[in-house]
N, C-alpha and C. Protein backbone atom coordinates (compact mmCIF):
# COMPACT_ATOMS: atom_id res chain seq x y z
N MET A 1 41.61 -14.98 -97.94
CA MET A 1 40.39 -15.26 -97.76
C MET A 1 40.16 -15.06 -99.88
N MET A 2 39.82 -14.79 -100.20
CA MET A 2 40.12 -14.60 -101.81
C MET A 2 41.13 -15.87 -102.11
N ASP A 3 42.10 -15.74 -101.90
CA ASP A 3 42.90 -17.46 -102.41
C ASP A 3 42.26 -18.21 -102.55
N GLN A 4 41.72 -18.26 -100.82
CA GLN A 4 41.01 -19.53 -101.10
C GLN A 4 39.47 -20.02 -102.35
N LEU A 5 38.87 -18.09 -102.30
CA LEU A 5 37.82 -18.42 -103.24
C LEU A 5 37.86 -19.07 -104.65
N ILE A 6 38.91 -18.70 -104.90
CA ILE A 6 40.17 -18.98 -106.37
C ILE A 6 40.08 -20.08 -106.26
N GLU A 7 40.78 -20.58 -105.50
CA GLU A 7 41.13 -22.13 -104.85
C GLU A 7 40.03 -23.10 -105.14
N ARG A 8 39.08 -22.60 -104.61
CA ARG A 8 37.77 -23.85 -105.02
C ARG A 8 36.70 -23.43 -105.97
N PHE A 9 37.04 -22.46 -107.01
CA PHE A 9 36.17 -22.45 -107.74
C PHE A 9 35.84 -23.01 -108.49
N PRO A 10 36.48 -24.27 -109.09
CA PRO A 10 37.08 -25.74 -109.71
C PRO A 10 35.82 -26.86 -109.42
N ALA A 11 35.96 -26.16 -107.78
CA ALA A 11 35.12 -27.42 -106.99
C ALA A 11 33.45 -26.68 -107.38
N GLN A 12 33.44 -25.77 -106.79
CA GLN A 12 32.06 -24.40 -107.08
C GLN A 12 32.12 -25.01 -109.09
N LEU A 13 32.42 -24.84 -109.58
CA LEU A 13 31.91 -25.72 -111.30
C LEU A 13 31.36 -26.49 -111.16
N THR A 14 32.24 -27.79 -110.38
CA THR A 14 31.38 -29.06 -110.29
C THR A 14 30.61 -29.08 -109.78
N GLU A 15 30.12 -28.15 -108.42
CA GLU A 15 29.43 -29.09 -107.47
C GLU A 15 27.72 -27.92 -108.67
N ALA A 16 28.16 -26.69 -109.19
CA ALA A 16 27.62 -26.38 -109.81
C ALA A 16 26.44 -27.09 -111.08
N LEU A 17 27.14 -27.77 -111.31
CA LEU A 17 26.98 -29.13 -112.57
C LEU A 17 26.47 -30.02 -112.11
N GLU A 18 26.61 -30.41 -110.71
CA GLU A 18 26.13 -31.71 -110.10
C GLU A 18 24.26 -31.28 -109.39
N ILE A 19 24.26 -29.85 -109.27
CA ILE A 19 22.97 -29.68 -108.75
C ILE A 19 21.77 -28.70 -109.95
N GLY A 20 22.72 -28.43 -111.37
CA GLY A 20 22.08 -28.39 -112.73
C GLY A 20 21.41 -29.98 -113.25
N GLU A 21 22.20 -31.02 -112.64
CA GLU A 21 21.97 -32.29 -113.08
C GLU A 21 20.81 -33.21 -112.65
N ASN A 22 20.65 -32.70 -111.23
CA ASN A 22 19.84 -33.07 -109.74
C ASN A 22 18.23 -31.95 -109.89
N ALA A 23 18.98 -31.29 -110.83
CA ALA A 23 17.40 -30.12 -110.16
C ALA A 23 15.60 -30.64 -111.15
N THR A 24 15.29 -30.57 -110.58
CA THR A 24 13.91 -31.29 -111.32
C THR A 24 13.11 -29.32 -111.78
N ILE A 25 13.41 -29.63 -113.06
CA ILE A 25 12.46 -28.13 -113.37
C ILE A 25 10.99 -29.02 -114.00
N LYS A 26 9.99 -27.99 -113.89
CA LYS A 26 8.55 -28.08 -114.42
C LYS A 26 8.21 -27.47 -115.47
N ALA A 27 7.95 -27.78 -116.37
CA ALA A 27 7.64 -26.85 -117.89
C ALA A 27 7.16 -25.79 -117.83
N HIS A 28 7.35 -24.87 -118.79
CA HIS A 28 6.43 -23.52 -118.76
C HIS A 28 5.47 -23.63 -119.28
N THR A 29 4.67 -22.74 -119.05
CA THR A 29 2.88 -23.19 -120.26
C THR A 29 3.01 -21.41 -120.90
N GLN A 30 3.98 -20.72 -120.40
CA GLN A 30 4.10 -19.17 -120.95
C GLN A 30 5.39 -19.01 -122.01
N GLU A 31 5.01 -18.40 -123.16
CA GLU A 31 6.63 -17.51 -124.05
C GLU A 31 7.06 -17.39 -123.73
N ILE A 32 8.59 -17.69 -123.77
CA ILE A 32 8.89 -16.99 -122.82
C ILE A 32 9.95 -16.40 -124.41
N ASN A 33 10.21 -14.34 -124.27
CA ASN A 33 11.03 -14.06 -125.30
C ASN A 33 12.30 -13.28 -124.80
N LYS A 34 12.42 -13.42 -123.13
CA LYS A 34 13.52 -12.46 -122.99
C LYS A 34 13.85 -12.99 -121.76
N VAL A 35 15.15 -13.11 -121.11
CA VAL A 35 16.12 -13.79 -119.51
C VAL A 35 16.04 -12.44 -119.55
N TYR A 36 15.92 -11.92 -117.48
CA TYR A 36 16.20 -11.29 -117.43
C TYR A 36 17.02 -11.67 -115.94
N VAL A 37 18.40 -11.81 -115.77
CA VAL A 37 18.61 -11.56 -114.29
C VAL A 37 19.51 -10.94 -113.54
N ALA A 38 18.80 -10.31 -112.77
CA ALA A 38 19.53 -9.71 -110.74
C ALA A 38 20.02 -10.64 -110.35
N GLY A 39 21.77 -9.35 -110.90
CA GLY A 39 22.30 -9.77 -109.30
C GLY A 39 23.60 -9.13 -108.98
N MET A 40 24.08 -8.83 -107.92
CA MET A 40 25.23 -7.82 -107.22
C MET A 40 26.47 -9.05 -107.38
N GLY A 41 27.20 -8.02 -106.92
CA GLY A 41 28.51 -8.77 -107.00
C GLY A 41 29.05 -9.90 -107.86
N GLY A 42 29.23 -10.63 -106.66
CA GLY A 42 30.16 -12.62 -107.05
C GLY A 42 28.55 -13.05 -107.70
N SER A 43 27.92 -13.05 -107.04
CA SER A 43 26.40 -13.48 -107.73
C SER A 43 25.86 -12.91 -109.41
N GLY A 44 26.18 -11.60 -109.33
CA GLY A 44 26.09 -11.23 -110.74
C GLY A 44 27.41 -11.83 -111.92
N ILE A 45 28.05 -11.63 -111.24
CA ILE A 45 29.02 -12.53 -111.92
C ILE A 45 28.87 -13.62 -112.81
N GLY A 46 28.10 -14.70 -111.80
CA GLY A 46 27.70 -15.65 -112.29
C GLY A 46 26.68 -15.65 -114.05
N ALA A 47 26.03 -14.67 -114.05
CA ALA A 47 25.07 -14.25 -115.39
C ALA A 47 26.07 -13.95 -115.78
N ASN A 48 27.25 -12.85 -115.83
CA ASN A 48 28.13 -12.15 -117.13
C ASN A 48 28.56 -14.04 -117.69
N PHE A 49 29.19 -14.74 -116.92
CA PHE A 49 29.65 -16.15 -117.29
C PHE A 49 28.89 -16.59 -118.60
N VAL A 50 27.80 -16.41 -118.16
CA VAL A 50 26.46 -17.84 -118.37
C VAL A 50 26.34 -16.42 -120.23
N ALA A 51 26.50 -15.34 -119.53
CA ALA A 51 26.37 -14.56 -120.95
C ALA A 51 27.53 -15.00 -121.77
N GLU A 52 28.71 -14.95 -121.88
CA GLU A 52 29.39 -14.83 -122.64
C GLU A 52 29.41 -16.75 -123.18
N PHE A 53 28.94 -17.69 -122.65
CA PHE A 53 28.68 -19.15 -123.16
C PHE A 53 27.61 -19.22 -124.00
N ILE A 54 26.47 -18.48 -123.38
CA ILE A 54 25.24 -18.42 -124.52
C ILE A 54 25.76 -17.14 -125.75
N VAL A 55 25.87 -16.17 -126.05
CA VAL A 55 26.12 -16.01 -126.70
C VAL A 55 25.85 -15.56 -127.85
N GLY A 56 26.43 -16.75 -128.27
CA GLY A 56 26.41 -17.11 -130.17
C GLY A 56 25.22 -18.39 -130.06
N GLU A 57 24.41 -18.66 -129.29
CA GLU A 57 23.63 -19.44 -129.51
C GLU A 57 21.87 -19.02 -128.75
N CYS A 58 22.11 -18.39 -128.23
CA CYS A 58 20.49 -17.72 -127.25
C CYS A 58 20.07 -17.55 -128.64
N LYS A 59 18.92 -17.30 -128.57
CA LYS A 59 18.34 -16.50 -129.51
C LYS A 59 17.39 -15.43 -129.03
N LEU A 60 17.56 -15.56 -127.28
CA LEU A 60 16.18 -14.40 -126.76
C LEU A 60 17.09 -13.68 -126.52
N PRO A 61 16.77 -12.47 -125.89
CA PRO A 61 17.53 -11.48 -125.15
C PRO A 61 18.31 -11.89 -123.45
N TYR A 62 18.88 -11.34 -123.56
CA TYR A 62 19.30 -12.34 -122.33
C TYR A 62 20.40 -10.46 -121.28
N ILE A 63 19.62 -10.08 -120.57
CA ILE A 63 19.48 -8.72 -119.91
C ILE A 63 20.16 -9.28 -118.31
N ILE A 64 21.16 -8.50 -118.08
CA ILE A 64 21.65 -8.36 -116.48
C ILE A 64 21.76 -7.19 -115.76
N GLY A 65 20.17 -7.60 -115.01
CA GLY A 65 20.94 -6.18 -113.93
C GLY A 65 21.39 -5.96 -113.03
N LYS A 66 22.07 -5.08 -112.67
CA LYS A 66 22.78 -5.06 -110.77
C LYS A 66 22.98 -3.79 -110.04
N GLY A 67 21.20 -3.42 -109.63
CA GLY A 67 20.56 -2.61 -109.14
C GLY A 67 19.14 -3.13 -108.91
N TYR A 68 18.82 -1.97 -107.72
CA TYR A 68 17.98 -1.92 -106.83
C TYR A 68 16.19 -2.20 -107.47
N ASP A 69 16.44 -1.88 -109.03
CA ASP A 69 15.05 -1.45 -110.17
C ASP A 69 15.07 -2.88 -110.70
N SER A 70 13.52 -3.23 -110.76
CA SER A 70 13.24 -4.05 -112.09
C SER A 70 13.14 -3.05 -113.72
N PRO A 71 13.77 -3.30 -114.68
CA PRO A 71 13.07 -3.17 -116.03
C PRO A 71 11.38 -2.57 -116.15
N ALA A 72 10.82 -2.27 -117.00
CA ALA A 72 9.13 -2.23 -117.51
C ALA A 72 9.11 -2.99 -117.98
N PHE A 73 10.13 -4.02 -118.77
CA PHE A 73 9.48 -4.20 -119.80
C PHE A 73 9.47 -6.04 -119.16
N VAL A 74 10.02 -6.59 -118.31
CA VAL A 74 9.77 -7.42 -117.64
C VAL A 74 8.54 -7.57 -117.33
N ASP A 75 7.86 -9.05 -117.71
CA ASP A 75 6.39 -9.17 -118.43
C ASP A 75 6.07 -11.03 -117.72
N LYS A 76 4.49 -11.38 -118.41
CA LYS A 76 4.54 -12.61 -118.03
C LYS A 76 5.87 -13.44 -119.02
N ASN A 77 6.12 -12.91 -119.98
CA ASN A 77 7.31 -13.46 -121.02
C ASN A 77 8.28 -13.82 -120.91
N THR A 78 8.77 -12.79 -119.56
CA THR A 78 9.83 -12.97 -119.65
C THR A 78 10.87 -14.33 -118.05
N LEU A 79 11.46 -14.66 -118.50
CA LEU A 79 12.01 -15.44 -117.57
C LEU A 79 12.99 -14.77 -116.71
N TYR A 80 12.91 -14.78 -115.24
CA TYR A 80 13.11 -13.56 -114.10
C TYR A 80 14.04 -14.54 -113.32
N ILE A 81 15.25 -14.36 -113.25
CA ILE A 81 16.31 -14.93 -112.03
C ILE A 81 16.83 -14.20 -111.05
N ALA A 82 16.54 -14.26 -110.15
CA ALA A 82 17.50 -13.74 -109.20
C ALA A 82 18.43 -14.18 -108.37
N SER A 83 19.52 -13.54 -108.53
CA SER A 83 20.80 -14.02 -108.14
C SER A 83 21.51 -13.89 -106.82
N SER A 84 21.55 -14.37 -105.22
CA SER A 84 22.13 -13.98 -104.79
C SER A 84 22.72 -15.08 -103.94
N TYR A 85 24.15 -14.99 -103.76
CA TYR A 85 24.47 -16.10 -103.03
C TYR A 85 24.53 -16.34 -101.78
N SER A 86 24.14 -15.54 -101.03
CA SER A 86 23.70 -15.33 -99.25
C SER A 86 22.58 -15.06 -99.20
N GLY A 87 21.36 -15.04 -100.44
CA GLY A 87 19.86 -15.30 -100.29
C GLY A 87 19.71 -13.43 -99.41
N ASN A 88 19.98 -12.74 -99.32
CA ASN A 88 19.93 -11.63 -98.68
C ASN A 88 20.40 -9.97 -99.08
N THR A 89 20.87 -10.25 -100.35
CA THR A 89 21.57 -9.02 -101.36
C THR A 89 20.62 -7.97 -101.47
N GLU A 90 20.51 -7.16 -100.76
CA GLU A 90 19.51 -5.73 -100.65
C GLU A 90 19.03 -5.43 -101.98
N GLU A 91 19.97 -4.95 -102.76
CA GLU A 91 19.61 -4.75 -103.94
C GLU A 91 18.66 -5.63 -104.84
N THR A 92 19.02 -7.13 -104.74
CA THR A 92 18.88 -7.89 -105.72
C THR A 92 16.93 -8.72 -105.24
N LEU A 93 16.93 -8.83 -103.52
CA LEU A 93 15.53 -8.85 -103.37
C LEU A 93 14.69 -7.41 -103.23
N SER A 94 15.25 -6.53 -103.29
CA SER A 94 14.62 -5.31 -103.41
C SER A 94 13.58 -5.06 -105.23
N ALA A 95 15.03 -5.91 -106.20
CA ALA A 95 14.26 -5.95 -107.66
C ALA A 95 13.40 -7.21 -107.55
N LEU A 96 13.84 -7.76 -106.48
CA LEU A 96 12.38 -9.21 -107.14
C LEU A 96 11.58 -9.31 -106.69
N ALA A 97 11.75 -8.53 -105.51
CA ALA A 97 10.01 -7.87 -104.63
C ALA A 97 9.06 -6.94 -105.61
N GLN A 98 9.92 -5.90 -106.10
CA GLN A 98 9.18 -5.23 -107.32
C GLN A 98 8.35 -6.16 -108.37
N VAL A 99 8.89 -7.10 -108.76
CA VAL A 99 8.50 -7.68 -110.21
C VAL A 99 7.16 -8.94 -109.19
N ALA A 100 7.92 -9.11 -108.37
CA ALA A 100 6.72 -10.06 -107.47
C ALA A 100 5.61 -9.44 -106.80
N ASP A 101 5.36 -8.18 -106.85
CA ASP A 101 4.80 -7.54 -106.27
C ASP A 101 3.48 -6.67 -106.65
N SER A 102 4.30 -6.16 -108.94
CA SER A 102 4.02 -4.91 -109.12
C SER A 102 2.96 -6.04 -110.24
N ARG A 103 3.09 -5.04 -111.48
CA ARG A 103 3.21 -4.96 -112.99
C ARG A 103 3.14 -7.12 -113.50
N SER A 104 4.18 -7.47 -112.73
CA SER A 104 4.31 -8.31 -113.02
C SER A 104 4.56 -9.95 -112.55
N LYS A 105 2.56 -9.84 -112.10
CA LYS A 105 2.52 -11.05 -110.72
C LYS A 105 2.68 -12.36 -112.04
N ASN A 106 1.95 -12.15 -113.66
CA ASN A 106 2.42 -13.65 -113.98
C ASN A 106 3.93 -13.69 -114.28
N SER A 107 4.97 -13.39 -114.27
CA SER A 107 6.41 -13.50 -114.42
C SER A 107 6.65 -15.05 -114.57
N LEU A 108 7.37 -15.48 -114.79
CA LEU A 108 7.90 -16.31 -114.18
C LEU A 108 9.44 -16.22 -113.56
N TYR A 109 9.38 -17.36 -112.28
CA TYR A 109 11.09 -16.93 -111.30
C TYR A 109 11.35 -18.17 -111.33
N LEU A 110 12.38 -17.92 -111.00
CA LEU A 110 13.45 -18.71 -110.78
C LEU A 110 14.64 -17.83 -109.96
N TRP A 111 14.58 -18.78 -108.65
CA TRP A 111 15.22 -17.84 -107.28
C TRP A 111 17.02 -19.03 -107.42
N TRP A 112 17.78 -18.36 -107.68
CA TRP A 112 18.76 -19.62 -108.09
C TRP A 112 19.96 -18.73 -106.77
N TRP A 113 20.51 -19.83 -105.93
CA TRP A 113 21.38 -19.60 -105.04
C TRP A 113 22.07 -20.26 -105.21
């Protein structure tokens, strides 16, 4: 199984680029001053991958969480990314629900599959 996943990795990168190129993203109206990514396992690895690419360029804090809870600093000026390959990762859904149902109702959300 793992050998098949590794073998497909280059194709997955190509697919990801195509998805990004074809995505329609609305302009935001809030100032973004930090980025928070919630994701476990393989879904969280993507966040670590991005962190390595942007480390020398991104001027905003880029924080990755891999648990059930979202930090208290997530607010309306946070770009919040919930990353779940399956769409039903328990920890990621719990963290996202916290943000959606709590103090941060005005946060910016992006659900990333």
